[in-house]
């Protein structure tokens, strides 16, 4: 940290309460966002569901789309 950069705590101490809460909410959002992005793994549970088709790309796209639709 260079001499021109103030520590974060010093800046937070100068904020009014409502802005302090807004900064806190934003920091918590960033932490959750990072946690979700770093732990999310792709799901390929549809793999193999297109067996038996004539293997045209359009047919495969339709079958994959059907398999990805949520069950209601």
N, C-alpha and C. Protein backbone atom coordinates (compact mmCIF):
# COMPACT_ATOMS: atom_id res chain seq x y z
N UNK A 1 0.85 -1.18 0.00
CA UNK A 1 0.00 0.00 0.00
C UNK A 1 0.89 1.23 0.00
N UNK A 2 0.66 2.13 -0.95
CA UNK A 2 1.49 3.32 -1.01
C UNK A 2 0.97 4.40 -0.06
N UNK A 3 1.70 5.51 0.05
CA UNK A 3 1.35 6.57 0.98
C UNK A 3 0.07 7.30 0.63
N UNK A 4 -0.37 7.22 -0.62
CA UNK A 4 -1.57 7.93 -1.05
C UNK A 4 -2.85 7.13 -0.81
N UNK A 5 -2.73 5.86 -0.53
CA UNK A 5 -3.90 5.01 -0.34
C UNK A 5 -4.20 4.88 1.14
N UNK A 6 -5.41 5.26 1.52
CA UNK A 6 -5.82 5.16 2.93
C UNK A 6 -6.29 3.74 3.20
N UNK A 7 -6.02 3.22 4.39
CA UNK A 7 -6.56 1.92 4.75
C UNK A 7 -8.09 1.94 4.70
N UNK A 8 -8.66 0.82 4.34
CA UNK A 8 -10.11 0.71 4.20
C UNK A 8 -10.83 1.08 5.49
N UNK A 9 -10.30 0.68 6.62
CA UNK A 9 -10.94 1.01 7.91
C UNK A 9 -11.04 2.52 8.12
N UNK A 10 -10.03 3.25 7.71
CA UNK A 10 -10.07 4.71 7.86
C UNK A 10 -11.20 5.31 7.02
N UNK A 11 -11.37 4.79 5.82
CA UNK A 11 -12.44 5.28 4.94
C UNK A 11 -13.81 4.91 5.49
N UNK A 12 -13.95 3.69 5.98
CA UNK A 12 -15.22 3.24 6.54
C UNK A 12 -15.63 4.06 7.75
N UNK A 13 -14.67 4.47 8.55
CA UNK A 13 -14.96 5.26 9.74
C UNK A 13 -15.57 6.62 9.39
N UNK A 14 -15.33 7.11 8.18
CA UNK A 14 -15.84 8.41 7.77
C UNK A 14 -17.23 8.34 7.16
N UNK A 15 -17.73 7.14 6.91
CA UNK A 15 -19.04 7.00 6.26
C UNK A 15 -20.19 7.16 7.26
N UNK A 16 -21.30 7.76 6.80
CA UNK A 16 -22.50 7.76 7.63
C UNK A 16 -23.04 6.33 7.72
N UNK A 17 -23.86 6.07 8.71
CA UNK A 17 -24.34 4.72 9.00
C UNK A 17 -25.02 4.08 7.79
N UNK A 18 -25.88 4.84 7.08
CA UNK A 18 -26.59 4.23 5.95
C UNK A 18 -25.64 3.81 4.82
N UNK A 19 -24.61 4.60 4.57
CA UNK A 19 -23.64 4.23 3.54
C UNK A 19 -22.74 3.09 4.01
N UNK A 20 -22.44 3.07 5.29
CA UNK A 20 -21.65 1.97 5.85
C UNK A 20 -22.37 0.65 5.62
N UNK A 21 -23.68 0.63 5.86
CA UNK A 21 -24.46 -0.59 5.65
C UNK A 21 -24.48 -0.97 4.17
N UNK A 22 -24.54 0.02 3.30
CA UNK A 22 -24.54 -0.25 1.86
C UNK A 22 -23.20 -0.88 1.43
N UNK A 23 -22.11 -0.37 1.95
CA UNK A 23 -20.79 -0.95 1.65
C UNK A 23 -20.70 -2.37 2.19
N UNK A 24 -21.20 -2.57 3.37
CA UNK A 24 -21.19 -3.91 3.98
C UNK A 24 -22.00 -4.89 3.13
N UNK A 25 -23.18 -4.47 2.68
CA UNK A 25 -24.01 -5.32 1.82
C UNK A 25 -23.29 -5.66 0.51
N UNK A 26 -22.61 -4.67 -0.05
CA UNK A 26 -21.89 -4.89 -1.30
C UNK A 26 -20.74 -5.88 -1.10
N UNK A 27 -20.02 -5.75 -0.02
CA UNK A 27 -18.92 -6.67 0.27
C UNK A 27 -19.46 -8.09 0.43
N UNK A 28 -20.57 -8.24 1.15
CA UNK A 28 -21.17 -9.57 1.32
C UNK A 28 -21.63 -10.13 -0.02
N UNK A 29 -22.15 -9.28 -0.90
CA UNK A 29 -22.55 -9.70 -2.24
C UNK A 29 -21.33 -10.21 -3.01
N UNK A 30 -20.23 -9.48 -2.96
CA UNK A 30 -19.03 -9.89 -3.68
C UNK A 30 -18.51 -11.23 -3.17
N UNK A 31 -18.57 -11.44 -1.87
CA UNK A 31 -18.12 -12.71 -1.28
C UNK A 31 -19.00 -13.85 -1.76
N UNK A 32 -20.33 -13.65 -1.73
CA UNK A 32 -21.25 -14.70 -2.21
C UNK A 32 -21.03 -14.98 -3.69
N UNK A 33 -20.86 -13.93 -4.48
CA UNK A 33 -20.66 -14.07 -5.92
C UNK A 33 -19.40 -14.87 -6.21
N UNK A 34 -18.34 -14.58 -5.52
CA UNK A 34 -17.07 -15.30 -5.70
C UNK A 34 -17.23 -16.75 -5.28
N UNK A 35 -17.93 -16.99 -4.20
CA UNK A 35 -18.14 -18.34 -3.70
C UNK A 35 -18.95 -19.17 -4.69
N UNK A 36 -19.99 -18.58 -5.26
CA UNK A 36 -20.83 -19.29 -6.23
C UNK A 36 -20.04 -19.59 -7.49
N UNK A 37 -19.30 -18.61 -8.00
CA UNK A 37 -18.55 -18.80 -9.23
C UNK A 37 -17.42 -19.81 -9.07
N UNK A 38 -16.79 -19.84 -7.93
CA UNK A 38 -15.65 -20.74 -7.76
C UNK A 38 -16.08 -22.16 -7.46
N UNK A 39 -17.29 -22.36 -6.95
CA UNK A 39 -17.70 -23.71 -6.59
C UNK A 39 -18.64 -24.33 -7.62
N UNK A 40 -19.14 -23.54 -8.55
CA UNK A 40 -20.08 -24.06 -9.53
C UNK A 40 -19.36 -24.94 -10.54
N UNK A 41 -19.86 -26.14 -10.72
CA UNK A 41 -19.30 -27.05 -11.70
C UNK A 41 -20.39 -27.34 -12.74
N UNK A 42 -19.98 -27.49 -13.99
CA UNK A 42 -20.98 -27.76 -15.01
C UNK A 42 -21.67 -29.11 -14.78
N UNK A 43 -22.93 -29.16 -15.15
CA UNK A 43 -23.72 -30.37 -14.98
C UNK A 43 -24.03 -30.93 -16.38
N UNK A 44 -23.68 -32.17 -16.58
CA UNK A 44 -23.94 -32.82 -17.87
C UNK A 44 -24.85 -34.02 -17.69
N UNK A 45 -25.89 -33.86 -16.89
CA UNK A 45 -26.78 -34.98 -16.63
C UNK A 45 -27.61 -35.35 -17.86
N UNK A 46 -27.60 -34.50 -18.87
CA UNK A 46 -28.31 -34.79 -20.11
C UNK A 46 -27.47 -35.66 -21.04
N UNK A 47 -26.19 -35.85 -20.73
CA UNK A 47 -25.30 -36.60 -21.62
C UNK A 47 -25.83 -38.01 -21.82
N UNK A 48 -25.81 -38.46 -23.05
CA UNK A 48 -26.28 -39.79 -23.39
C UNK A 48 -27.76 -39.84 -23.70
N UNK A 49 -28.46 -38.75 -23.52
CA UNK A 49 -29.91 -38.76 -23.72
C UNK A 49 -30.30 -38.70 -25.19
N UNK A 50 -29.33 -38.49 -26.07
CA UNK A 50 -29.65 -38.38 -27.49
C UNK A 50 -29.33 -39.66 -28.26
N UNK A 51 -29.00 -40.70 -27.53
CA UNK A 51 -28.74 -41.98 -28.20
C UNK A 51 -30.00 -42.45 -28.91
N UNK A 52 -29.84 -43.04 -30.08
CA UNK A 52 -30.98 -43.57 -30.81
C UNK A 52 -31.55 -42.60 -31.83
N UNK A 53 -31.09 -41.38 -31.81
CA UNK A 53 -31.56 -40.44 -32.83
C UNK A 53 -30.76 -40.65 -34.11
N UNK A 54 -31.24 -40.04 -35.19
CA UNK A 54 -30.55 -40.18 -36.47
C UNK A 54 -29.27 -39.36 -36.52
N UNK A 55 -28.97 -38.70 -35.42
CA UNK A 55 -27.75 -37.91 -35.26
C UNK A 55 -27.68 -36.67 -36.14
N UNK A 56 -28.82 -36.12 -36.52
CA UNK A 56 -28.77 -34.83 -37.18
C UNK A 56 -28.63 -33.78 -36.09
N UNK A 57 -27.92 -32.72 -36.38
CA UNK A 57 -27.67 -31.71 -35.36
C UNK A 57 -28.97 -31.06 -34.87
N UNK A 58 -29.92 -30.87 -35.77
CA UNK A 58 -31.18 -30.24 -35.38
C UNK A 58 -31.94 -31.15 -34.43
N UNK A 59 -32.00 -32.44 -34.74
CA UNK A 59 -32.67 -33.40 -33.86
C UNK A 59 -32.01 -33.42 -32.48
N UNK A 60 -30.70 -33.42 -32.48
CA UNK A 60 -29.98 -33.46 -31.20
C UNK A 60 -30.25 -32.20 -30.38
N UNK A 61 -30.29 -31.04 -31.04
CA UNK A 61 -30.57 -29.80 -30.33
C UNK A 61 -31.97 -29.82 -29.71
N UNK A 62 -32.93 -30.33 -30.46
CA UNK A 62 -34.29 -30.40 -29.93
C UNK A 62 -34.37 -31.36 -28.74
N UNK A 63 -33.73 -32.49 -28.84
CA UNK A 63 -33.76 -33.48 -27.76
C UNK A 63 -33.08 -32.92 -26.50
N UNK A 64 -31.93 -32.28 -26.68
CA UNK A 64 -31.21 -31.70 -25.54
C UNK A 64 -32.06 -30.62 -24.88
N UNK A 65 -32.70 -29.77 -25.70
CA UNK A 65 -33.56 -28.71 -25.15
C UNK A 65 -34.71 -29.30 -24.35
N UNK A 66 -35.33 -30.37 -24.87
CA UNK A 66 -36.42 -31.02 -24.14
C UNK A 66 -35.94 -31.57 -22.81
N UNK A 67 -34.76 -32.19 -22.81
CA UNK A 67 -34.23 -32.80 -21.58
C UNK A 67 -33.84 -31.76 -20.54
N UNK A 68 -33.52 -30.55 -20.97
CA UNK A 68 -33.12 -29.50 -20.04
C UNK A 68 -34.29 -28.74 -19.45
N UNK A 69 -35.46 -28.89 -20.02
CA UNK A 69 -36.64 -28.16 -19.50
C UNK A 69 -36.96 -28.66 -18.10
N UNK A 70 -37.34 -27.76 -17.21
CA UNK A 70 -37.70 -28.18 -15.85
C UNK A 70 -38.96 -29.03 -15.85
N UNK A 71 -38.98 -29.98 -14.98
CA UNK A 71 -40.15 -30.86 -14.84
C UNK A 71 -41.23 -30.09 -14.09
N UNK A 72 -42.45 -30.11 -14.59
CA UNK A 72 -43.54 -29.37 -13.94
C UNK A 72 -44.55 -30.32 -13.42
